[in-house]
Protein backbone atom coordinates (compact mmCIF):
# COMPACT_ATOMS: atom_id res chain seq x y z
CA MET A 1 29.53 -21.51 23.91
CA ARG A 2 31.18 -23.41 21.05
CA LYS A 3 32.38 -21.81 17.85
CA ASN A 4 30.36 -22.55 14.72
CA ARG A 5 32.24 -24.39 11.98
CA ILE A 6 29.59 -23.75 9.32
CA PRO A 7 29.20 -20.04 8.57
CA LEU A 8 25.90 -18.63 9.86
CA LYS A 9 25.48 -16.68 6.63
CA ILE A 10 25.43 -19.93 4.60
CA VAL A 11 22.83 -21.51 6.90
CA LYS A 12 20.65 -18.40 6.80
CA CYS A 13 20.82 -18.43 3.00
CA LEU A 14 19.72 -22.07 2.93
CA MET A 15 16.86 -21.33 5.31
CA LYS A 16 15.69 -18.50 3.04
CA GLU A 17 15.92 -20.78 -0.01
CA ALA A 18 13.70 -23.21 1.88
CA GLY A 19 11.07 -20.48 2.23
CA ALA A 20 11.73 -18.67 5.51
CA LYS A 21 11.04 -14.95 5.11
CA ARG A 22 12.31 -13.55 8.42
CA ILE A 23 14.82 -15.42 10.56
CA SER A 24 16.15 -14.49 13.98
CA LYS A 25 19.84 -14.82 14.73
CA SER A 26 19.09 -17.38 17.45
CA ALA A 27 17.17 -19.50 14.92
CA VAL A 28 20.12 -19.44 12.53
CA GLU A 29 22.48 -20.37 15.38
CA ALA A 30 20.22 -23.25 16.44
CA MET A 31 19.93 -24.54 12.87
CA THR A 32 23.70 -24.30 12.45
CA ARG A 33 24.30 -26.35 15.62
CA LEU A 34 21.80 -28.93 14.40
CA ALA A 35 23.46 -29.14 10.97
CA GLU A 36 26.90 -29.54 12.52
CA ASP A 37 25.64 -32.20 14.93
CA ASN A 38 24.02 -34.09 12.06
CA VAL A 39 27.26 -34.01 10.04
CA MET A 40 29.19 -35.39 13.02
CA MET A 41 26.61 -38.11 13.73
CA LEU A 42 26.33 -39.21 10.08
CA THR A 43 30.11 -39.24 9.71
CA GLY A 44 30.34 -41.61 12.67
CA ARG A 45 27.95 -44.00 10.93
CA VAL A 46 29.78 -43.60 7.63
CA LEU A 47 33.06 -44.62 9.27
CA VAL A 48 31.53 -47.99 10.19
CA PHE A 49 30.77 -48.76 6.53
CA MET A 50 34.13 -47.44 5.38
CA GLU A 51 36.03 -49.56 7.89
CA HIS A 52 33.92 -52.62 7.10
CA ALA A 53 34.97 -52.23 3.44
CA ASN A 54 38.62 -52.09 4.60
CA ARG A 55 39.12 -48.63 3.15
CA THR A 56 40.70 -45.51 4.59
CA THR A 57 38.94 -43.11 2.21
CA LEU A 58 35.39 -42.06 2.92
CA GLN A 59 33.33 -42.30 -0.27
CA ALA A 60 29.94 -41.00 -1.38
CA GLU A 61 28.51 -44.54 -1.39
CA ASP A 62 29.35 -44.85 2.33
CA VAL A 63 27.35 -41.69 2.98
CA ARG A 64 24.37 -42.99 0.98
CA ILE A 65 24.42 -46.33 2.81
CA ALA A 66 24.72 -44.73 6.25
CA GLN A 67 21.95 -42.24 5.52
CA THR A 68 19.66 -44.97 4.17
CA ASN A 69 20.21 -47.23 7.18
CA LYS A 70 19.48 -44.44 9.70
CA GLY A 71 21.88 -45.91 12.22
CA GLU A 72 20.78 -49.53 11.84
CA VAL A 73 24.28 -50.82 11.33
CA ASN A 74 24.45 -54.55 10.77
CA VAL A 75 27.65 -55.18 8.86
CA CYS A 76 27.78 -58.82 9.98
CA SER A 77 24.44 -59.89 8.51
CA GLN A 78 26.09 -61.77 5.65
CA VAL A 79 28.38 -63.86 7.86
């Protein structure tokens, strides 16, 4: 079993803000794993845009582009 990087308490709070009244610990753990996996996956896509722009610093615009493209990376379309 892997260690959570995002605190369970934070995820549970977010779930309650979204409208959940009662939440089991296993549901919070599952949501936390999903959130962490999504961060890792999106960061991988962001790195493609960052590297294409010849930068070493990840910027908010890279995140917006990667999220908008949903994995459809075509950085060579203008060549």
